[in-house]
Amino acid sequence: MPARSKQQQKAAGAALAAKRGEIPKARLRGASRQMVESMTERELERMASVPRKSLPQRASSQSKSKSHNASKKKRAH
């Protein structure tokens, strides 16, 4: 799953560095701390590899609600 915003891409990069042992996990904060525990190295690589230039600073609330509604429809069927 590619990153949807610059912030998400940056957090994934920090979590990936910690997962690889390049930085201590204690330096992580917020989303990156959760990502390092809940995602595999491959998932983090995929999320962090998106070119930052093509991403908005923050994910829009519309994209969040669309994905949330899509997952609700999948569960209903």
PDB file of N, CA and C in Angstrom:
ATOM      1  N   MET A   1       0.850  -1.165   0.000  1.00  0.00           N
ATOM      2  CA  MET A   1       0.000   0.000   0.000  1.00  0.00           C
ATOM      3  C   MET A   1       0.899   1.233   0.000  1.00  0.00           C
ATOM      4  N   PRO A   2       0.843   2.039  -1.045  1.00  0.00           N
ATOM      5  CA  PRO A   2       1.680   3.243  -1.093  1.00  0.00           C
ATOM      6  C   PRO A   2       1.170   4.329  -0.151  1.00  0.00           C
ATOM      7  N   ALA A   3       2.072   5.201   0.229  1.00  0.00           N
ATOM      8  CA  ALA A   3       1.709   6.298   1.121  1.00  0.00           C
ATOM      9  C   ALA A   3       0.744   7.250   0.415  1.00  0.00           C
ATOM     10  N   ARG A   4      -0.163   7.860   1.183  1.00  0.00           N
ATOM     11  CA  ARG A   4      -1.134   8.803   0.625  1.00  0.00           C
ATOM     12  C   ARG A   4      -0.762  10.251   0.896  1.00  0.00           C
ATOM     13  N   SER A   5       0.245  10.479   1.718  1.00  0.00           N
ATOM     14  CA  SER A   5       0.657  11.845   2.025  1.00  0.00           C
ATOM     15  C   SER A   5       2.145  11.875   2.341  1.00  0.00           C
ATOM     16  N   LYS A   6       2.709  13.075   2.322  1.00  0.00           N
ATOM     17  CA  LYS A   6       4.125  13.244   2.649  1.00  0.00           C
ATOM     18  C   LYS A   6       4.396  12.826   4.087  1.00  0.00           C
ATOM     19  N   GLN A   7       3.480  13.150   4.986  1.00  0.00           N
ATOM     20  CA  GLN A   7       3.654  12.788   6.390  1.00  0.00           C
ATOM     21  C   GLN A   7       3.675  11.276   6.571  1.00  0.00           C
ATOM     22  N   GLN A   8       2.793  10.590   5.880  1.00  0.00           N
ATOM     23  CA  GLN A   8       2.729   9.134   5.992  1.00  0.00           C
ATOM     24  C   GLN A   8       3.997   8.508   5.407  1.00  0.00           C
ATOM     25  N   GLN A   9       4.491   9.055   4.301  1.00  0.00           N
ATOM     26  CA  GLN A   9       5.698   8.547   3.669  1.00  0.00           C
ATOM     27  C   GLN A   9       6.914   8.746   4.573  1.00  0.00           C
ATOM     28  N   LYS A  10       6.956   9.898   5.218  1.00  0.00           N
ATOM     29  CA  LYS A  10       8.063  10.209   6.125  1.00  0.00           C
ATOM     30  C   LYS A  10       8.038   9.289   7.349  1.00  0.00           C
ATOM     31  N   ALA A  11       6.854   9.053   7.894  1.00  0.00           N
ATOM     32  CA  ALA A  11       6.711   8.166   9.049  1.00  0.00           C
ATOM     33  C   ALA A  11       7.115   6.740   8.688  1.00  0.00           C
ATOM     34  N   ALA A  12       6.741   6.299   7.486  1.00  0.00           N
ATOM     35  CA  ALA A  12       7.103   4.957   7.046  1.00  0.00           C
ATOM     36  C   ALA A  12       8.616   4.834   6.891  1.00  0.00           C
ATOM     37  N   GLY A  13       9.260   5.872   6.398  1.00  0.00           N
ATOM     38  CA  GLY A  13      10.714   5.860   6.261  1.00  0.00           C
ATOM     39  C   GLY A  13      11.416   5.760   7.601  1.00  0.00           C
ATOM     40  N   ALA A  14      10.916   6.488   8.577  1.00  0.00           N
ATOM     41  CA  ALA A  14      11.502   6.433   9.920  1.00  0.00           C
ATOM     42  C   ALA A  14      11.288   5.052  10.545  1.00  0.00           C
ATOM     43  N   ALA A  15      10.092   4.492  10.371  1.00  0.00           N
ATOM     44  CA  ALA A  15       9.804   3.165  10.916  1.00  0.00           C
ATOM     45  C   ALA A  15      10.675   2.109  10.240  1.00  0.00           C
ATOM     46  N   LEU A  16      10.897   2.255   8.941  1.00  0.00           N
ATOM     47  CA  LEU A  16      11.735   1.313   8.216  1.00  0.00           C
ATOM     48  C   LEU A  16      13.176   1.371   8.721  1.00  0.00           C
ATOM     49  N   ALA A  17      13.682   2.573   8.950  1.00  0.00           N
ATOM     50  CA  ALA A  17      15.043   2.731   9.477  1.00  0.00           C
ATOM     51  C   ALA A  17      15.176   2.067  10.850  1.00  0.00           C
ATOM     52  N   ALA A  18      14.157   2.220  11.681  1.00  0.00           N
ATOM     53  CA  ALA A  18      14.192   1.598  13.009  1.00  0.00           C
ATOM     54  C   ALA A  18      14.100   0.081  12.902  1.00  0.00           C
ATOM     55  N   LYS A  19      13.262  -0.395  11.998  1.00  0.00           N
ATOM     56  CA  LYS A  19      13.105  -1.844  11.821  1.00  0.00           C
ATOM     57  C   LYS A  19      14.423  -2.471  11.363  1.00  0.00           C
ATOM     58  N   ARG A  20      15.186  -1.738  10.560  1.00  0.00           N
ATOM     59  CA  ARG A  20      16.474  -2.231  10.062  1.00  0.00           C
ATOM     60  C   ARG A  20      17.598  -2.026  11.064  1.00  0.00           C
ATOM     61  N   GLY A  21      17.336  -1.306  12.148  1.00  0.00           N
ATOM     62  CA  GLY A  21      18.342  -1.081  13.169  1.00  0.00           C
ATOM     63  C   GLY A  21      19.237   0.118  12.906  1.00  0.00           C
ATOM     64  N   GLU A  22      18.869   0.956  11.938  1.00  0.00           N
ATOM     65  CA  GLU A  22      19.670   2.128  11.604  1.00  0.00           C
ATOM     66  C   GLU A  22      19.504   3.247  12.628  1.00  0.00           C
ATOM     67  N   ILE A  23      18.328   3.307  13.250  1.00  0.00           N
ATOM     68  CA  ILE A  23      18.072   4.261  14.335  1.00  0.00           C
ATOM     69  C   ILE A  23      17.387   3.504  15.469  1.00  0.00           C
ATOM     70  N   PRO A  24      17.535   3.964  16.704  1.00  0.00           N
ATOM     71  CA  PRO A  24      16.867   3.267  17.816  1.00  0.00           C
ATOM     72  C   PRO A  24      15.351   3.479  17.783  1.00  0.00           C
ATOM     73  N   LYS A  25      14.612   2.445  18.139  1.00  0.00           N
ATOM     74  CA  LYS A  25      13.148   2.544  18.160  1.00  0.00           C
ATOM     75  C   LYS A  25      12.668   3.593  19.153  1.00  0.00           C
ATOM     76  N   ALA A  26      13.461   3.879  20.162  1.00  0.00           N
ATOM     77  CA  ALA A  26      13.088   4.864  21.179  1.00  0.00           C
ATOM     78  C   ALA A  26      12.979   6.277  20.589  1.00  0.00           C
ATOM     79  N   ARG A  27      13.619   6.524  19.450  1.00  0.00           N
ATOM     80  CA  ARG A  27      13.553   7.849  18.820  1.00  0.00           C
ATOM     81  C   ARG A  27      12.259   8.061  18.049  1.00  0.00           C
ATOM     82  N   LEU A  28      11.495   7.016  17.814  1.00  0.00           N
ATOM     83  CA  LEU A  28      10.262   7.129  17.038  1.00  0.00           C
ATOM     84  C   LEU A  28       9.144   7.735  17.870  1.00  0.00           C
ATOM     85  N   ARG A  29       8.271   8.461  17.180  1.00  0.00           N
ATOM     86  CA  ARG A  29       7.102   9.061  17.828  1.00  0.00           C
ATOM     87  C   ARG A  29       5.884   8.887  16.940  1.00  0.00           C
ATOM     88  N   GLY A  30       4.723   8.911  17.551  1.00  0.00           N
ATOM     89  CA  GLY A  30       3.466   8.924  16.807  1.00  0.00           C
ATOM     90  C   GLY A  30       3.267   7.742  15.879  1.00  0.00           C
ATOM     91  N   ALA A  31       2.915   8.058  14.634  1.00  0.00           N
ATOM     92  CA  ALA A  31       2.560   7.036  13.658  1.00  0.00           C
ATOM     93  C   ALA A  31       3.719   6.096  13.352  1.00  0.00           C
ATOM     94  N   SER A  32       4.932   6.631  13.300  1.00  0.00           N
ATOM     95  CA  SER A  32       6.070   5.773  12.977  1.00  0.00           C
ATOM     96  C   SER A  32       6.299   4.715  14.053  1.00  0.00           C
ATOM     97  N   ARG A  33       6.026   5.045  15.299  1.00  0.00           N
ATOM     98  CA  ARG A  33       6.170   4.073  16.393  1.00  0.00           C
ATOM     99  C   ARG A  33       5.152   2.942  16.228  1.00  0.00           C
ATOM    100  N   GLN A  34       3.944   3.285  15.816  1.00  0.00           N
ATOM    101  CA  GLN A  34       2.920   2.260  15.597  1.00  0.00           C
ATOM    102  C   GLN A  34       3.237   1.419  14.368  1.00  0.00           C
ATOM    103  N   MET A  35       3.749   2.083  13.330  1.00  0.00           N
ATOM    104  CA  MET A  35       4.061   1.386  12.082  1.00  0.00           C
ATOM    105  C   MET A  35       5.145   0.328  12.280  1.00  0.00           C
ATOM    106  N   VAL A  36       6.174   0.651  13.044  1.00  0.00           N
ATOM    107  CA  VAL A  36       7.288  -0.281  13.205  1.00  0.00           C
ATOM    108  C   VAL A  36       6.829  -1.575  13.879  1.00  0.00           C
ATOM    109  N   GLU A  37       5.829  -1.494  14.727  1.00  0.00           N
ATOM    110  CA  GLU A  37       5.317  -2.672  15.425  1.00  0.00           C
ATOM    111  C   GLU A  37       4.297  -3.450  14.599  1.00  0.00           C
ATOM    112  N   SER A  38       3.522  -2.746  13.769  1.00  0.00           N
ATOM    113  CA  SER A  38       2.398  -3.399  13.105  1.00  0.00           C
ATOM    114  C   SER A  38       2.636  -3.777  11.646  1.00  0.00           C
ATOM    115  N   MET A  39       3.736  -3.311  11.035  1.00  0.00           N
ATOM    116  CA  MET A  39       3.959  -3.562   9.613  1.00  0.00           C
ATOM    117  C   MET A  39       5.266  -4.332   9.391  1.00  0.00           C
ATOM    118  N   THR A  40       5.307  -5.081   8.303  1.00  0.00           N
ATOM    119  CA  THR A  40       6.520  -5.799   7.946  1.00  0.00           C
ATOM    120  C   THR A  40       7.482  -4.850   7.242  1.00  0.00           C
ATOM    121  N   GLU A  41       8.724  -5.279   7.124  1.00  0.00           N
ATOM    122  CA  GLU A  41       9.730  -4.459   6.441  1.00  0.00           C
ATOM    123  C   GLU A  41       9.326  -4.224   4.985  1.00  0.00           C
ATOM    124  N   ARG A  42       8.783  -5.222   4.358  1.00  0.00           N
ATOM    125  CA  ARG A  42       8.358  -5.089   2.953  1.00  0.00           C
ATOM    126  C   ARG A  42       7.235  -4.067   2.801  1.00  0.00           C
ATOM    127  N   GLU A  43       6.261  -4.089   3.703  1.00  0.00           N
ATOM    128  CA  GLU A  43       5.169  -3.119   3.664  1.00  0.00           C
ATOM    129  C   GLU A  43       5.699  -1.697   3.865  1.00  0.00           C
ATOM    130  N   LEU A  44       6.626  -1.554   4.791  1.00  0.00           N
ATOM    131  CA  LEU A  44       7.216  -0.242   5.042  1.00  0.00           C
ATOM    132  C   LEU A  44       8.017   0.243   3.840  1.00  0.00           C
ATOM    133  N   GLU A  45       8.751  -0.657   3.190  1.00  0.00           N
ATOM    134  CA  GLU A  45       9.492  -0.291   1.986  1.00  0.00           C
ATOM    135  C   GLU A  45       8.563   0.229   0.907  1.00  0.00           C
ATOM    136  N   ARG A  46       7.458  -0.469   0.706  1.00  0.00           N
ATOM    137  CA  ARG A  46       6.494  -0.072  -0.320  1.00  0.00           C
ATOM    138  C   ARG A  46       5.897   1.301  -0.008  1.00  0.00           C
ATOM    139  N   MET A  47       5.594   1.532   1.251  1.00  0.00           N
ATOM    140  CA  MET A  47       4.992   2.805   1.637  1.00  0.00           C
ATOM    141  C   MET A  47       5.998   3.953   1.565  1.00  0.00           C
ATOM    142  N   ALA A  48       7.226   3.692   1.929  1.00  0.00           N
ATOM    143  CA  ALA A  48       8.245   4.739   1.956  1.00  0.00           C
ATOM    144  C   ALA A  48       8.816   5.039   0.577  1.00  0.00           C
ATOM    145  N   SER A  49       8.635   4.156  -0.387  1.00  0.00           N
ATOM    146  CA  SER A  49       9.271   4.323  -1.687  1.00  0.00           C
ATOM    147  C   SER A  49       8.524   5.247  -2.645  1.00  0.00           C
ATOM    148  N   VAL A  50       7.361   5.727  -2.286  1.00  0.00           N
ATOM    149  CA  VAL A  50       6.589   6.625  -3.149  1.00  0.00           C
ATOM    150  C   VAL A  50       7.320   7.959  -3.263  1.00  0.00           C
ATOM    151  N   PRO A  51       7.480   8.489  -4.490  1.00  0.00           N
ATOM    152  CA  PRO A  51       8.125   9.796  -4.623  1.00  0.00           C
ATOM    153  C   PRO A  51       7.334  10.878  -3.889  1.00  0.00           C
ATOM    154  N   ARG A  52       7.993  11.605  -3.046  1.00  0.00           N
ATOM    155  CA  ARG A  52       7.341  12.589  -2.207  1.00  0.00           C
ATOM    156  C   ARG A  52       6.730  13.732  -3.016  1.00  0.00           C
ATOM    157  N   LYS A  53       7.319  14.024  -4.156  1.00  0.00           N
ATOM    158  CA  LYS A  53       6.867  15.140  -4.981  1.00  0.00           C
ATOM    159  C   LYS A  53       5.401  14.983  -5.398  1.00  0.00           C
ATOM    160  N   SER A  54       4.961  13.762  -5.607  1.00  0.00           N
ATOM    161  CA  SER A  54       3.606  13.511  -6.096  1.00  0.00           C
ATOM    162  C   SER A  54       2.553  13.467  -4.988  1.00  0.00           C
ATOM    163  N   LEU A  55       2.960  13.632  -3.739  1.00  0.00           N
ATOM    164  CA  LEU A  55       2.031  13.478  -2.619  1.00  0.00           C
ATOM    165  C   LEU A  55       1.611  14.819  -2.025  1.00  0.00           C
ATOM    166  N   PRO A  56       0.372  14.906  -1.516  1.00  0.00           N
ATOM    167  CA  PRO A  56      -0.023  16.097  -0.766  1.00  0.00           C
ATOM    168  C   PRO A  56       0.630  16.067   0.622  1.00  0.00           C
ATOM    169  N   GLN A  57       0.678  17.216   1.282  1.00  0.00           N
ATOM    170  CA  GLN A  57       1.263  17.280   2.620  1.00  0.00           C
ATOM    171  C   GLN A  57       0.520  16.366   3.583  1.00  0.00           C
ATOM    172  N   ARG A  58      -0.804  16.418   3.534  1.00  0.00           N
ATOM    173  CA  ARG A  58      -1.650  15.565   4.382  1.00  0.00           C
ATOM    174  C   ARG A  58      -2.673  14.863   3.506  1.00  0.00           C
ATOM    175  N   ALA A  59      -3.091  13.696   3.922  1.00  0.00           N
ATOM    176  CA  ALA A  59      -4.140  12.980   3.203  1.00  0.00           C
ATOM    177  C   ALA A  59      -5.450  13.720   3.410  1.00  0.00           C
ATOM    178  N   SER A  60      -6.206  13.900   2.337  1.00  0.00           N
ATOM    179  CA  SER A  60      -7.469  14.616   2.452  1.00  0.00           C
ATOM    180  C   SER A  60      -8.492  13.759   3.180  1.00  0.00           C
ATOM    181  N   SER A  61      -9.455  14.402   3.792  1.00  0.00           N
ATOM    182  CA  SER A  61     -10.483  13.668   4.522  1.00  0.00           C
ATOM    183  C   SER A  61     -11.366  12.885   3.563  1.00  0.00           C
ATOM    184  N   GLN A  62     -11.476  13.336   2.303  1.00  0.00           N
ATOM    185  CA  GLN A  62     -12.280  12.619   1.320  1.00  0.00           C
ATOM    186  C   GLN A  62     -11.683  11.264   1.003  1.00  0.00           C
ATOM    187  N   SER A  63     -10.370  11.208   0.830  1.00  0.00           N
ATOM    188  CA  SER A  63      -9.761   9.924   0.504  1.00  0.00           C
ATOM    189  C   SER A  63      -9.898   8.952   1.666  1.00  0.00           C
ATOM    190  N   LYS A  64      -9.866   9.457   2.893  1.00  0.00           N
ATOM    191  CA  LYS A  64     -10.051   8.597   4.056  1.00  0.00           C
ATOM    192  C   LYS A  64     -11.461   8.051   4.094  1.00  0.00           C
ATOM    193  N   SER A  65     -12.461   8.916   3.837  1.00  0.00           N
ATOM    194  CA  SER A  65     -13.843   8.465   3.913  1.00  0.00           C
ATOM    195  C   SER A  65     -14.175   7.508   2.785  1.00  0.00           C
ATOM    196  N   LYS A  66     -13.584   7.700   1.597  1.00  0.00           N
ATOM    197  CA  LYS A  66     -13.826   6.782   0.491  1.00  0.00           C
ATOM    198  C   LYS A  66     -13.323   5.399   0.823  1.00  0.00           C
ATOM    199  N   SER A  67     -12.102   5.311   1.346  1.00  0.00           N
ATOM    200  CA  SER A  67     -11.563   4.000   1.679  1.00  0.00           C
ATOM    201  C   SER A  67     -12.329   3.365   2.832  1.00  0.00           C
ATOM    202  N   HIS A  68     -12.790   4.186   3.766  1.00  0.00           N
ATOM    203  CA  HIS A  68     -13.565   3.678   4.892  1.00  0.00           C
ATOM    204  C   HIS A  68     -14.900   3.126   4.395  1.00  0.00           C
ATOM    205  N   ASN A  69     -15.572   3.848   3.486  1.00  0.00           N
ATOM    206  CA  ASN A  69     -16.841   3.386   2.952  1.00  0.00           C
ATOM    207  C   ASN A  69     -16.663   2.130   2.108  1.00  0.00           C
ATOM    208  N   ALA A  70     -15.574   2.044   1.370  1.00  0.00           N
ATOM    209  CA  ALA A  70     -15.321   0.862   0.544  1.00  0.00           C
ATOM    210  C   ALA A  70     -15.136  -0.369   1.424  1.00  0.00           C
ATOM    211  N   SER A  71     -14.432  -0.210   2.534  1.00  0.00           N
ATOM    212  CA  SER A  71     -14.235  -1.364   3.415  1.00  0.00           C
ATOM    213  C   SER A  71     -15.539  -1.791   4.076  1.00  0.00           C
ATOM    214  N   LYS A  72     -16.434  -0.827   4.343  1.00  0.00           N
ATOM    215  CA  LYS A  72     -17.737  -1.180   4.901  1.00  0.00           C
ATOM    216  C   LYS A  72     -18.542  -1.997   3.911  1.00  0.00           C
ATOM    217  N   LYS A  73     -18.484  -1.611   2.625  1.00  0.00           N
ATOM    218  CA  LYS A  73     -19.232  -2.340   1.598  1.00  0.00           C
ATOM    219  C   LYS A  73     -18.696  -3.748   1.450  1.00  0.00           C
ATOM    220  N   LYS A  74     -17.384  -3.910   1.523  1.00  0.00           N
ATOM    221  CA  LYS A  74     -16.787  -5.234   1.395  1.00  0.00           C
ATOM    222  C   LYS A  74     -17.245  -6.155   2.511  1.00  0.00           C
ATOM    223  N   ARG A  75     -17.336  -5.616   3.728  1.00  0.00           N
ATOM    224  CA  ARG A  75     -17.748  -6.433   4.874  1.00  0.00           C
ATOM    225  C   ARG A  75     -19.220  -6.814   4.774  1.00  0.00           C
ATOM    226  N   ALA A  76     -20.053  -5.972   4.177  1.00  0.00           N
ATOM    227  CA  ALA A  76     -21.479  -6.220   4.100  1.00  0.00           C
ATOM    228  C   ALA A  76     -21.800  -7.379   3.156  1.00  0.00           C
ATOM    229  N   HIS A  77     -20.949  -7.609   2.171  1.00  0.00           N
ATOM    230  CA  HIS A  77     -21.233  -8.644   1.164  1.00  0.00           C
ATOM    231  C   HIS A  77     -20.657  -9.953   1.529  1.00  0.00           C
TER     232      HIS A  77
END
